[in-house]
PDB file of N, CA and C in Angstrom:
ATOM      1  N   MET A   1     -23.190 -79.354-116.831  1.00  0.00           N
ATOM      2  CA  MET A   1     -23.438 -79.337-116.139  1.00  0.00           C
ATOM      3  C   MET A   1     -23.033 -77.698-116.325  1.00  0.00           C
ATOM      4  N   ILE A   2     -23.286 -76.907-115.257  1.00  0.00           N
ATOM      5  CA  ILE A   2     -22.902 -75.639-115.974  1.00  0.00           C
ATOM      6  C   ILE A   2     -21.447 -75.806-115.162  1.00  0.00           C
ATOM      7  N   ASN A   3     -21.049 -74.244-116.603  1.00  0.00           N
ATOM      8  CA  ASN A   3     -19.336 -74.266-115.846  1.00  0.00           C
ATOM      9  C   ASN A   3     -19.445 -72.538-115.126  1.00  0.00           C
ATOM     10  N   PRO A   4     -19.370 -72.081-114.118  1.00  0.00           N
ATOM     11  CA  PRO A   4     -19.880 -71.023-113.127  1.00  0.00           C
ATOM     12  C   PRO A   4     -18.199 -70.049-113.659  1.00  0.00           C
ATOM     13  N   PHE A   5     -17.656 -70.103-114.396  1.00  0.00           N
ATOM     14  CA  PHE A   5     -16.687 -69.471-113.946  1.00  0.00           C
ATOM     15  C   PHE A   5     -16.845 -69.412-115.671  1.00  0.00           C
ATOM     16  N   SER A   6     -16.878 -70.141-116.396  1.00  0.00           N
ATOM     17  CA  SER A   6     -17.212 -69.744-118.358  1.00  0.00           C
ATOM     18  C   SER A   6     -17.563 -67.805-118.084  1.00  0.00           C
ATOM     19  N   ALA A   7     -17.266 -67.464-119.710  1.00  0.00           N
ATOM     20  CA  ALA A   7     -18.741 -66.735-119.666  1.00  0.00           C
ATOM     21  C   ALA A   7     -19.282 -66.405-120.663  1.00  0.00           C
ATOM     22  N   VAL A   8     -19.806 -65.144-119.714  1.00  0.00           N
ATOM     23  CA  VAL A   8     -21.741 -65.356-120.329  1.00  0.00           C
ATOM     24  C   VAL A   8     -21.498 -63.756-120.879  1.00  0.00           C
ATOM     25  N   PRO A   9     -22.389 -63.795-122.145  1.00  0.00           N
ATOM     26  CA  PRO A   9     -22.706 -62.811-122.673  1.00  0.00           C
ATOM     27  C   PRO A   9     -23.013 -61.473-121.178  1.00  0.00           C
ATOM     28  N   THR A  10     -22.693 -60.114-121.908  1.00  0.00           N
ATOM     29  CA  THR A  10     -23.151 -59.168-120.469  1.00  0.00           C
ATOM     30  C   THR A  10     -23.799 -57.486-120.518  1.00  0.00           C
ATOM     31  N   ILE A  11     -24.388 -57.270-120.332  1.00  0.00           N
ATOM     32  CA  ILE A  11     -25.138 -55.715-120.937  1.00  0.00           C
ATOM     33  C   ILE A  11     -24.193 -54.330-119.387  1.00  0.00           C
ATOM     34  N   THR A  12     -23.253 -53.990-119.801  1.00  0.00           N
ATOM     35  CA  THR A  12     -23.226 -52.281-118.670  1.00  0.00           C
ATOM     36  C   THR A  12     -25.072 -51.836-118.195  1.00  0.00           C
ATOM     37  N   CYS A  13     -24.721 -51.447-116.986  1.00  0.00           N
ATOM     38  CA  CYS A  13     -25.330 -50.511-115.976  1.00  0.00           C
ATOM     39  C   CYS A  13     -26.462 -49.408-117.434  1.00  0.00           C
ATOM     40  N   LYS A  14     -24.931 -48.525-117.464  1.00  0.00           N
ATOM     41  CA  LYS A  14     -25.384 -47.222-118.674  1.00  0.00           C
ATOM     42  C   LYS A  14     -26.419 -48.383-119.921  1.00  0.00           C
ATOM     43  N   GLU A  15     -25.729 -49.232-120.827  1.00  0.00           N
ATOM     44  CA  GLU A  15     -26.119 -49.476-121.614  1.00  0.00           C
ATOM     45  C   GLU A  15     -27.353 -50.023-121.425  1.00  0.00           C
ATOM     46  N   LEU A  16     -27.662 -51.001-119.899  1.00  0.00           N
ATOM     47  CA  LEU A  16     -29.179 -51.369-119.945  1.00  0.00           C
ATOM     48  C   LEU A  16     -29.960 -50.292-119.998  1.00  0.00           C
ATOM     49  N   LYS A  17     -29.642 -48.931-119.690  1.00  0.00           N
ATOM     50  CA  LYS A  17     -30.295 -47.865-118.980  1.00  0.00           C
ATOM     51  C   LYS A  17     -31.296 -47.764-120.774  1.00  0.00           C
ATOM     52  N   GLU A  18     -30.755 -46.454-121.754  1.00  0.00           N
ATOM     53  CA  GLU A  18     -30.535 -46.618-122.840  1.00  0.00           C
ATOM     54  C   GLU A  18     -30.899 -47.557-123.404  1.00  0.00           C
ATOM     55  N   ALA A  19     -31.236 -49.005-123.400  1.00  0.00           N
ATOM     56  CA  ALA A  19     -31.946 -49.947-123.984  1.00  0.00           C
ATOM     57  C   ALA A  19     -33.553 -49.961-123.590  1.00  0.00           C
ATOM     58  N   GLN A  20     -33.379 -49.638-121.494  1.00  0.00           N
ATOM     59  CA  GLN A  20     -35.414 -49.530-121.989  1.00  0.00           C
ATOM     60  C   GLN A  20     -35.437 -48.257-122.596  1.00  0.00           C
ATOM     61  N   LYS A  21     -34.618 -47.352-122.716  1.00  0.00           N
ATOM     62  CA  LYS A  21     -35.623 -45.632-123.614  1.00  0.00           C
ATOM     63  C   LYS A  21     -36.274 -46.504-124.623  1.00  0.00           C
ATOM     64  N   THR A  22     -35.921 -47.976-125.673  1.00  0.00           N
ATOM     65  CA  THR A  22     -35.874 -47.558-126.279  1.00  0.00           C
ATOM     66  C   THR A  22     -37.525 -48.413-127.225  1.00  0.00           C
ATOM     67  N   GLU A  23     -37.867 -47.982-128.953  1.00  0.00           N
ATOM     68  CA  GLU A  23     -39.111 -49.148-128.137  1.00  0.00           C
ATOM     69  C   GLU A  23     -39.153 -50.319-128.187  1.00  0.00           C
ATOM     70  N   THR A  24     -38.873 -51.168-127.878  1.00  0.00           N
ATOM     71  CA  THR A  24     -38.561 -52.551-127.343  1.00  0.00           C
ATOM     72  C   THR A  24     -37.136 -52.410-126.476  1.00  0.00           C
ATOM     73  N   PRO A  25     -37.784 -51.868-125.180  1.00  0.00           N
ATOM     74  CA  PRO A  25     -36.815 -52.826-124.320  1.00  0.00           C
ATOM     75  C   PRO A  25     -36.566 -53.749-124.584  1.00  0.00           C
ATOM     76  N   PRO A  26     -35.925 -54.076-123.683  1.00  0.00           N
ATOM     77  CA  PRO A  26     -35.444 -55.633-122.868  1.00  0.00           C
ATOM     78  C   PRO A  26     -35.920 -56.188-121.730  1.00  0.00           C
ATOM     79  N   ILE A  27     -36.641 -57.712-121.746  1.00  0.00           N
ATOM     80  CA  ILE A  27     -36.634 -57.859-120.621  1.00  0.00           C
ATOM     81  C   ILE A  27     -36.269 -58.311-119.733  1.00  0.00           C
ATOM     82  N   ILE A  28     -36.369 -57.701-118.097  1.00  0.00           N
ATOM     83  CA  ILE A  28     -35.520 -57.914-117.111  1.00  0.00           C
ATOM     84  C   ILE A  28     -36.199 -59.062-116.679  1.00  0.00           C
ATOM     85  N   ILE A  29     -35.367 -60.146-115.661  1.00  0.00           N
ATOM     86  CA  ILE A  29     -35.737 -60.275-115.189  1.00  0.00           C
ATOM     87  C   ILE A  29     -34.516 -60.662-114.137  1.00  0.00           C
ATOM     88  N   ASP A  30     -35.267 -60.494-113.138  1.00  0.00           N
ATOM     89  CA  ASP A  30     -34.632 -60.370-111.450  1.00  0.00           C
ATOM     90  C   ASP A  30     -34.794 -61.903-110.983  1.00  0.00           C
ATOM     91  N   VAL A  31     -32.824 -62.231-110.942  1.00  0.00           N
ATOM     92  CA  VAL A  31     -33.264 -63.858-110.567  1.00  0.00           C
ATOM     93  C   VAL A  31     -32.968 -64.321-108.812  1.00  0.00           C
ATOM     94  N   ARG A  32     -33.361 -62.422-107.929  1.00  0.00           N
ATOM     95  CA  ARG A  32     -33.297 -62.927-106.475  1.00  0.00           C
ATOM     96  C   ARG A  32     -34.265 -64.425-106.056  1.00  0.00           C
ATOM     97  N   GLU A  33     -33.908 -63.687-104.169  1.00  0.00           N
ATOM     98  CA  GLU A  33     -35.792 -64.734-103.883  1.00  0.00           C
ATOM     99  C   GLU A  33     -36.603 -64.288-103.269  1.00  0.00           C
ATOM    100  N   LEU A  34     -37.321 -64.024-103.232  1.00  0.00           N
ATOM    101  CA  LEU A  34     -38.671 -63.177-102.997  1.00  0.00           C
ATOM    102  C   LEU A  34     -38.577 -62.769-102.105  1.00  0.00           C
ATOM    103  N   ASP A  35     -37.708 -62.395-100.638  1.00  0.00           N
ATOM    104  CA  ASP A  35     -37.321 -61.896-100.296  1.00  0.00           C
ATOM    105  C   ASP A  35     -36.921 -60.673-100.282  1.00  0.00           C
ATOM    106  N   GLU A  36     -35.817 -60.803-100.939  1.00  0.00           N
ATOM    107  CA  GLU A  36     -34.620 -59.933-102.217  1.00  0.00           C
ATOM    108  C   GLU A  36     -35.518 -58.977-102.708  1.00  0.00           C
ATOM    109  N   TRP A  37     -36.555 -60.116-102.819  1.00  0.00           N
ATOM    110  CA  TRP A  37     -37.795 -58.798-104.790  1.00  0.00           C
ATOM    111  C   TRP A  37     -37.762 -57.331-103.751  1.00  0.00           C
ATOM    112  N   ASN A  38     -38.726 -58.216-102.586  1.00  0.00           N
ATOM    113  CA  ASN A  38     -39.749 -57.073-101.928  1.00  0.00           C
ATOM    114  C   ASN A  38     -38.773 -55.723-101.255  1.00  0.00           C
ATOM    115  N   THR A  39     -37.269 -56.236-100.629  1.00  0.00           N
ATOM    116  CA  THR A  39     -36.612 -55.223-100.595  1.00  0.00           C
ATOM    117  C   THR A  39     -36.238 -54.101-101.767  1.00  0.00           C
ATOM    118  N   GLY A  40     -37.157 -54.152-102.900  1.00  0.00           N
ATOM    119  CA  GLY A  40     -36.673 -53.261-104.254  1.00  0.00           C
ATOM    120  C   GLY A  40     -35.892 -53.745-105.390  1.00  0.00           C
ATOM    121  N   HIS A  41     -36.058 -53.417-106.565  1.00  0.00           N
ATOM    122  CA  HIS A  41     -36.383 -53.962-107.920  1.00  0.00           C
ATOM    123  C   HIS A  41     -36.627 -53.440-108.717  1.00  0.00           C
ATOM    124  N   LEU A  42     -35.461 -53.719-110.147  1.00  0.00           N
ATOM    125  CA  LEU A  42     -36.302 -52.368-110.991  1.00  0.00           C
ATOM    126  C   LEU A  42     -37.628 -52.457-111.492  1.00  0.00           C
ATOM    127  N   ASP A  43     -37.751 -51.183-111.765  1.00  0.00           N
ATOM    128  CA  ASP A  43     -39.337 -50.806-111.268  1.00  0.00           C
ATOM    129  C   ASP A  43     -40.309 -52.123-113.261  1.00  0.00           C
ATOM    130  N   SER A  44     -39.294 -51.979-114.636  1.00  0.00           N
ATOM    131  CA  SER A  44     -39.224 -53.481-115.380  1.00  0.00           C
ATOM    132  C   SER A  44     -39.434 -54.548-115.533  1.00  0.00           C
ATOM    133  N   ALA A  45     -38.791 -55.307-113.776  1.00  0.00           N
ATOM    134  CA  ALA A  45     -38.414 -56.115-113.714  1.00  0.00           C
ATOM    135  C   ALA A  45     -39.328 -57.504-113.858  1.00  0.00           C
ATOM    136  N   VAL A  46     -39.027 -58.101-114.089  1.00  0.00           N
ATOM    137  CA  VAL A  46     -40.024 -58.910-113.670  1.00  0.00           C
ATOM    138  C   VAL A  46     -39.541 -60.853-113.249  1.00  0.00           C
ATOM    139  N   HIS A  47     -40.067 -61.050-112.000  1.00  0.00           N
ATOM    140  CA  HIS A  47     -39.168 -62.013-111.366  1.00  0.00           C
ATOM    141  C   HIS A  47     -39.678 -63.177-111.197  1.00  0.00           C
ATOM    142  N   ALA A  48     -38.181 -63.688-111.498  1.00  0.00           N
ATOM    143  CA  ALA A  48     -38.193 -66.001-111.613  1.00  0.00           C
ATOM    144  C   ALA A  48     -37.225 -66.189-110.461  1.00  0.00           C
ATOM    145  N   PRO A  49     -37.178 -66.262-109.421  1.00  0.00           N
ATOM    146  CA  PRO A  49     -36.213 -66.428-108.885  1.00  0.00           C
ATOM    147  C   PRO A  49     -34.707 -67.878-109.377  1.00  0.00           C
ATOM    148  N   LEU A  50     -34.221 -67.619-109.244  1.00  0.00           N
ATOM    149  CA  LEU A  50     -32.983 -68.455-110.263  1.00  0.00           C
ATOM    150  C   LEU A  50     -33.624 -70.271-109.401  1.00  0.00           C
ATOM    151  N   MET A  51     -33.454 -70.670-108.798  1.00  0.00           N
ATOM    152  CA  MET A  51     -34.069 -71.871-108.156  1.00  0.00           C
ATOM    153  C   MET A  51     -35.795 -72.186-109.195  1.00  0.00           C
ATOM    154  N   SER A  52     -36.167 -71.759-109.397  1.00  0.00           N
ATOM    155  CA  SER A  52     -37.669 -71.687-110.252  1.00  0.00           C
ATOM    156  C   SER A  52     -37.190 -71.667-111.529  1.00  0.00           C
ATOM    157  N   ILE A  53     -36.088 -70.439-112.277  1.00  0.00           N
ATOM    158  CA  ILE A  53     -35.858 -70.197-113.629  1.00  0.00           C
ATOM    159  C   ILE A  53     -36.192 -71.161-114.642  1.00  0.00           C
ATOM    160  N   LYS A  54     -35.895 -72.819-114.833  1.00  0.00           N
ATOM    161  CA  LYS A  54     -35.943 -73.266-115.767  1.00  0.00           C
ATOM    162  C   LYS A  54     -37.177 -73.590-115.642  1.00  0.00           C
ATOM    163  N   LYS A  55     -37.872 -73.697-114.708  1.00  0.00           N
ATOM    164  CA  LYS A  55     -39.211 -74.712-114.875  1.00  0.00           C
ATOM    165  C   LYS A  55     -40.316 -73.535-114.918  1.00  0.00           C
ATOM    166  N   GLU A  56     -39.884 -72.363-114.864  1.00  0.00           N
ATOM    167  CA  GLU A  56     -40.874 -70.755-115.302  1.00  0.00           C
ATOM    168  C   GLU A  56     -40.962 -70.162-116.487  1.00  0.00           C
ATOM    169  N   ILE A  57     -39.986 -70.900-117.143  1.00  0.00           N
ATOM    170  CA  ILE A  57     -39.117 -69.217-117.827  1.00  0.00           C
ATOM    171  C   ILE A  57     -39.608 -69.931-119.630  1.00  0.00           C
ATOM    172  N   GLU A  58     -40.466 -70.721-119.091  1.00  0.00           N
ATOM    173  CA  GLU A  58     -41.106 -70.542-120.487  1.00  0.00           C
ATOM    174  C   GLU A  58     -42.488 -69.665-120.606  1.00  0.00           C
ATOM    175  N   HIS A  59     -42.643 -69.208-118.988  1.00  0.00           N
ATOM    176  CA  HIS A  59     -44.355 -69.403-118.787  1.00  0.00           C
ATOM    177  C   HIS A  59     -43.897 -67.430-119.123  1.00  0.00           C
ATOM    178  N   VAL A  60     -42.869 -67.308-118.850  1.00  0.00           N
ATOM    179  CA  VAL A  60     -42.208 -66.053-118.296  1.00  0.00           C
ATOM    180  C   VAL A  60     -42.008 -64.866-119.739  1.00  0.00           C
ATOM    181  N   VAL A  61     -41.594 -65.948-120.210  1.00  0.00           N
ATOM    182  CA  VAL A  61     -40.976 -65.611-122.090  1.00  0.00           C
ATOM    183  C   VAL A  61     -40.817 -66.694-123.019  1.00  0.00           C
ATOM    184  N   PRO A  62     -41.730 -67.045-123.556  1.00  0.00           N
ATOM    185  CA  PRO A  62     -41.849 -68.005-124.352  1.00  0.00           C
ATOM    186  C   PRO A  62     -41.287 -68.135-125.388  1.00  0.00           C
ATOM    187  N   ASP A  63     -40.876 -66.101-126.208  1.00  0.00           N
ATOM    188  CA  ASP A  63     -40.746 -67.096-127.289  1.00  0.00           C
ATOM    189  C   ASP A  63     -38.819 -66.189-126.643  1.00  0.00           C
ATOM    190  N   LYS A  64     -38.647 -67.610-128.091  1.00  0.00           N
ATOM    191  CA  LYS A  64     -36.425 -67.508-127.605  1.00  0.00           C
ATOM    192  C   LYS A  64     -36.160 -66.912-127.711  1.00  0.00           C
ATOM    193  N   ASN A  65     -36.546 -66.136-129.218  1.00  0.00           N
ATOM    194  CA  ASN A  65     -35.922 -64.752-129.681  1.00  0.00           C
ATOM    195  C   ASN A  65     -35.989 -62.936-128.797  1.00  0.00           C
ATOM    196  N   LYS A  66     -36.066 -63.047-127.463  1.00  0.00           N
ATOM    197  CA  LYS A  66     -36.609 -62.112-127.661  1.00  0.00           C
ATOM    198  C   LYS A  66     -35.358 -61.601-126.628  1.00  0.00           C
ATOM    199  N   GLU A  67     -34.867 -61.002-126.615  1.00  0.00           N
ATOM    200  CA  GLU A  67     -33.991 -60.154-126.106  1.00  0.00           C
ATOM    201  C   GLU A  67     -33.888 -59.832-124.250  1.00  0.00           C
ATOM    202  N   ILE A  68     -33.846 -60.553-124.050  1.00  0.00           N
ATOM    203  CA  ILE A  68     -33.420 -60.864-121.964  1.00  0.00           C
ATOM    204  C   ILE A  68     -32.235 -59.888-121.687  1.00  0.00           C
ATOM    205  N   VAL A  69     -32.645 -59.907-119.796  1.00  0.00           N
ATOM    206  CA  VAL A  69     -31.402 -59.455-119.248  1.00  0.00           C
ATOM    207  C   VAL A  69     -31.537 -59.837-117.694  1.00  0.00           C
ATOM    208  N   LEU A  70     -30.552 -60.386-117.657  1.00  0.00           N
ATOM    209  CA  LEU A  70     -30.679 -61.188-116.210  1.00  0.00           C
ATOM    210  C   LEU A  70     -30.399 -59.998-115.068  1.00  0.00           C
ATOM    211  N   CYS A  71     -30.636 -60.017-113.875  1.00  0.00           N
ATOM    212  CA  CYS A  71     -29.991 -59.611-113.129  1.00  0.00           C
ATOM    213  C   CYS A  71     -30.519 -59.858-111.618  1.00  0.00           C
ATOM    214  N   CYS A  72     -28.961 -60.255-110.690  1.00  0.00           N
ATOM    215  CA  CYS A  72     -29.277 -60.299-109.219  1.00  0.00           C
ATOM    216  C   CYS A  72     -28.596 -59.646-108.224  1.00  0.00           C
ATOM    217  N   ALA A  73     -28.106 -58.841-107.109  1.00  0.00           N
ATOM    218  CA  ALA A  73     -27.912 -58.081-106.490  1.00  0.00           C
ATOM    219  C   ALA A  73     -26.329 -58.108-107.163  1.00  0.00           C
ATOM    220  N   SER A  74     -25.926 -58.845-107.548  1.00  0.00           N
ATOM    221  CA  SER A  74     -24.235 -57.967-107.926  1.00  0.00           C
ATOM    222  C   SER A  74     -24.003 -58.871-108.394  1.00  0.00           C
ATOM    223  N   GLY A  75     -24.046 -59.697-109.947  1.00  0.00           N
ATOM    224  CA  GLY A  75     -24.339 -60.790-110.578  1.00  0.00           C
ATOM    225  C   GLY A  75     -24.049 -61.734-110.590  1.00  0.00           C
ATOM    226  N   GLY A  76     -23.647 -63.076-109.217  1.00  0.00           N
ATOM    227  CA  GLY A  76     -23.165 -64.284-109.778  1.00  0.00           C
ATOM    228  C   GLY A  76     -24.004 -64.800-110.516  1.00  0.00           C
ATOM    229  N   ARG A  77     -25.276 -64.078-110.175  1.00  0.00           N
ATOM    230  CA  ARG A  77     -26.538 -65.412-109.813  1.00  0.00           C
ATOM    231  C   ARG A  77     -26.815 -65.457-111.154  1.00  0.00           C
ATOM    232  N   SER A  78     -27.562 -63.937-111.706  1.00  0.00           N
ATOM    233  CA  SER A  78     -27.827 -63.787-113.213  1.00  0.00           C
ATOM    234  C   SER A  78     -26.166 -64.697-113.841  1.00  0.00           C
ATOM    235  N   ARG A  79     -25.470 -64.662-113.714  1.00  0.00           N
ATOM    236  CA  ARG A  79     -24.880 -65.595-114.306  1.00  0.00           C
ATOM    237  C   ARG A  79     -25.006 -66.587-115.062  1.00  0.00           C
ATOM    238  N   ALA A  80     -24.810 -67.213-113.789  1.00  0.00           N
ATOM    239  CA  ALA A  80     -25.879 -68.929-113.268  1.00  0.00           C
ATOM    240  C   ALA A  80     -27.192 -69.104-114.424  1.00  0.00           C
ATOM    241  N   ALA A  81     -28.000 -68.053-114.673  1.00  0.00           N
ATOM    242  CA  ALA A  81     -29.748 -68.128-115.420  1.00  0.00           C
ATOM    243  C   ALA A  81     -29.191 -67.945-116.668  1.00  0.00           C
ATOM    244  N   VAL A  82     -28.666 -67.168-116.835  1.00  0.00           N
ATOM    245  CA  VAL A  82     -28.070 -67.178-118.728  1.00  0.00           C
ATOM    246  C   VAL A  82     -27.356 -68.525-118.806  1.00  0.00           C
ATOM    247  N   LYS A  83     -26.314 -69.074-117.947  1.00  0.00           N
ATOM    248  CA  LYS A  83     -25.528 -69.573-118.902  1.00  0.00           C
ATOM    249  C   LYS A  83     -27.264 -70.658-118.938  1.00  0.00           C
ATOM    250  N   MET A  84     -28.147 -71.074-118.334  1.00  0.00           N
ATOM    251  CA  MET A  84     -29.662 -71.745-117.869  1.00  0.00           C
ATOM    252  C   MET A  84     -30.699 -71.257-119.056  1.00  0.00           C
ATOM    253  N   LEU A  85     -30.500 -70.213-119.921  1.00  0.00           N
ATOM    254  CA  LEU A  85     -31.614 -69.758-120.909  1.00  0.00           C
ATOM    255  C   LEU A  85     -30.996 -70.666-121.836  1.00  0.00           C
ATOM    256  N   LEU A  86     -28.700 -70.405-122.161  1.00  0.00           N
ATOM    257  CA  LEU A  86     -28.355 -70.335-123.209  1.00  0.00           C
ATOM    258  C   LEU A  86     -28.492 -71.867-123.958  1.00  0.00           C
ATOM    259  N   GLN A  87     -28.518 -72.785-122.973  1.00  0.00           N
ATOM    260  CA  GLN A  87     -28.486 -74.224-122.620  1.00  0.00           C
ATOM    261  C   GLN A  87     -30.198 -74.431-123.509  1.00  0.00           C
ATOM    262  N   LEU A  88     -31.334 -73.893-123.179  1.00  0.00           N
ATOM    263  CA  LEU A  88     -32.972 -74.003-122.942  1.00  0.00           C
ATOM    264  C   LEU A  88     -33.342 -73.435-124.653  1.00  0.00           C
ATOM    265  N   GLY A  89     -32.009 -72.627-125.387  1.00  0.00           N
ATOM    266  CA  GLY A  89     -31.722 -72.526-126.413  1.00  0.00           C
ATOM    267  C   GLY A  89     -32.877 -71.268-126.988  1.00  0.00           C
ATOM    268  N   TYR A  90     -32.550 -69.745-125.650  1.00  0.00           N
ATOM    269  CA  TYR A  90     -32.556 -68.607-125.730  1.00  0.00           C
ATOM    270  C   TYR A  90     -31.121 -68.147-126.870  1.00  0.00           C
ATOM    271  N   LYS A  91     -31.660 -66.659-127.258  1.00  0.00           N
ATOM    272  CA  LYS A  91     -30.521 -66.435-128.136  1.00  0.00           C
ATOM    273  C   LYS A  91     -30.167 -65.453-127.469  1.00  0.00           C
ATOM    274  N   HIS A  92     -31.307 -64.452-127.126  1.00  0.00           N
ATOM    275  CA  HIS A  92     -30.503 -63.156-126.546  1.00  0.00           C
ATOM    276  C   HIS A  92     -30.541 -62.971-125.425  1.00  0.00           C
ATOM    277  N   VAL A  93     -29.285 -63.507-124.270  1.00  0.00           N
ATOM    278  CA  VAL A  93     -30.061 -63.452-122.788  1.00  0.00           C
ATOM    279  C   VAL A  93     -28.432 -62.836-122.418  1.00  0.00           C
ATOM    280  N   LYS A  94     -28.332 -61.553-122.000  1.00  0.00           N
ATOM    281  CA  LYS A  94     -27.557 -61.269-121.061  1.00  0.00           C
ATOM    282  C   LYS A  94     -27.483 -61.033-120.188  1.00  0.00           C
ATOM    283  N   ASN A  95     -26.096 -60.528-118.836  1.00  0.00           N
ATOM    284  CA  ASN A  95     -26.011 -60.691-117.718  1.00  0.00           C
ATOM    285  C   ASN A  95     -25.756 -58.667-116.821  1.00  0.00           C
ATOM    286  N   LEU A  96     -26.763 -58.852-116.451  1.00  0.00           N
ATOM    287  CA  LEU A  96     -26.318 -57.276-115.773  1.00  0.00           C
ATOM    288  C   LEU A  96     -24.511 -57.286-115.566  1.00  0.00           C
ATOM    289  N   GLN A  97     -24.171 -56.133-115.496  1.00  0.00           N
ATOM    290  CA  GLN A  97     -22.809 -55.911-114.850  1.00  0.00           C
ATOM    291  C   GLN A  97     -23.339 -55.453-113.612  1.00  0.00           C
ATOM    292  N   GLY A  98     -22.668 -55.957-112.652  1.00  0.00           N
ATOM    293  CA  GLY A  98     -22.385 -55.274-111.070  1.00  0.00           C
ATOM    294  C   GLY A  98     -24.695 -55.869-110.352  1.00  0.00           C
ATOM    295  N   GLY A  99     -24.687 -56.039-111.328  1.00  0.00           N
ATOM    296  CA  GLY A  99     -26.190 -56.780-111.014  1.00  0.00           C
ATOM    297  C   GLY A  99     -26.837 -55.590-110.413  1.00  0.00           C
ATOM    298  N   LEU A 100     -27.884 -55.142-109.177  1.00  0.00           N
ATOM    299  CA  LEU A 100     -28.713 -54.242-108.464  1.00  0.00           C
ATOM    300  C   LEU A 100     -27.962 -53.542-108.009  1.00  0.00           C
ATOM    301  N   CYS A 101     -26.991 -53.763-107.386  1.00  0.00           N
ATOM    302  CA  CYS A 101     -26.173 -52.634-106.679  1.00  0.00           C
ATOM    303  C   CYS A 101     -25.395 -51.753-108.039  1.00  0.00           C
ATOM    304  N   ALA A 102     -24.703 -52.170-108.991  1.00  0.00           N
ATOM    305  CA  ALA A 102     -23.755 -51.652-109.572  1.00  0.00           C
ATOM    306  C   ALA A 102     -24.889 -49.895-110.470  1.00  0.00           C
ATOM    307  N   TYR A 103     -26.558 -50.550-110.597  1.00  0.00           N
ATOM    308  CA  TYR A 103     -27.130 -50.011-111.183  1.00  0.00           C
ATOM    309  C   TYR A 103     -27.751 -49.205-110.268  1.00  0.00           C
ATOM    310  N   GLN A 104     -28.202 -48.981-109.271  1.00  0.00           N
ATOM    311  CA  GLN A 104     -28.331 -48.145-107.768  1.00  0.00           C
ATOM    312  C   GLN A 104     -27.158 -47.347-108.172  1.00  0.00           C
ATOM    313  N   GLN A 105     -25.987 -47.366-107.835  1.00  0.00           N
ATOM    314  CA  GLN A 105     -25.212 -46.417-107.789  1.00  0.00           C
ATOM    315  C   GLN A 105     -25.207 -45.886-109.001  1.00  0.00           C
ATOM    316  N   MET A 106     -24.502 -46.142-110.486  1.00  0.00           N
ATOM    317  CA  MET A 106     -25.649 -45.563-111.320  1.00  0.00           C
ATOM    318  C   MET A 106     -25.502 -44.164-111.325  1.00  0.00           C
ATOM    319  N   GLY A 107     -27.700 -44.184-110.831  1.00  0.00           N
ATOM    320  CA  GLY A 107     -28.642 -43.083-110.279  1.00  0.00           C
ATOM    321  C   GLY A 107     -27.565 -42.131-109.685  1.00  0.00           C
ATOM    322  N   LYS A 108     -27.137 -42.556-108.400  1.00  0.00           N
ATOM    323  CA  LYS A 108     -26.519 -42.117-107.931  1.00  0.00           C
ATOM    324  C   LYS A 108     -25.674 -40.670-107.827  1.00  0.00           C
TER     325      LYS A 108
END
């Protein structure tokens, strides 16, 4: 069982923006539902809803050593997704602090 309150590795919006400018940016996975995804998402993000991420992740990111950033609206669902991926053996997984709301606010 995944404990929703235990700490997970995180990345700030500022750190993510810097990482996106590098030669090997992290893979960004948006775990929101399709209707939320359709209202807007990060340009480089891949869509993999939380409810199906366990069965989709190996197709989306087969290399468990890739750097992955998970995001949702505010950081709650992506926190759960980070825990799932860590349990599946992914090594470099982080939760976007504050989610897309914080990321979009930073741009203003």
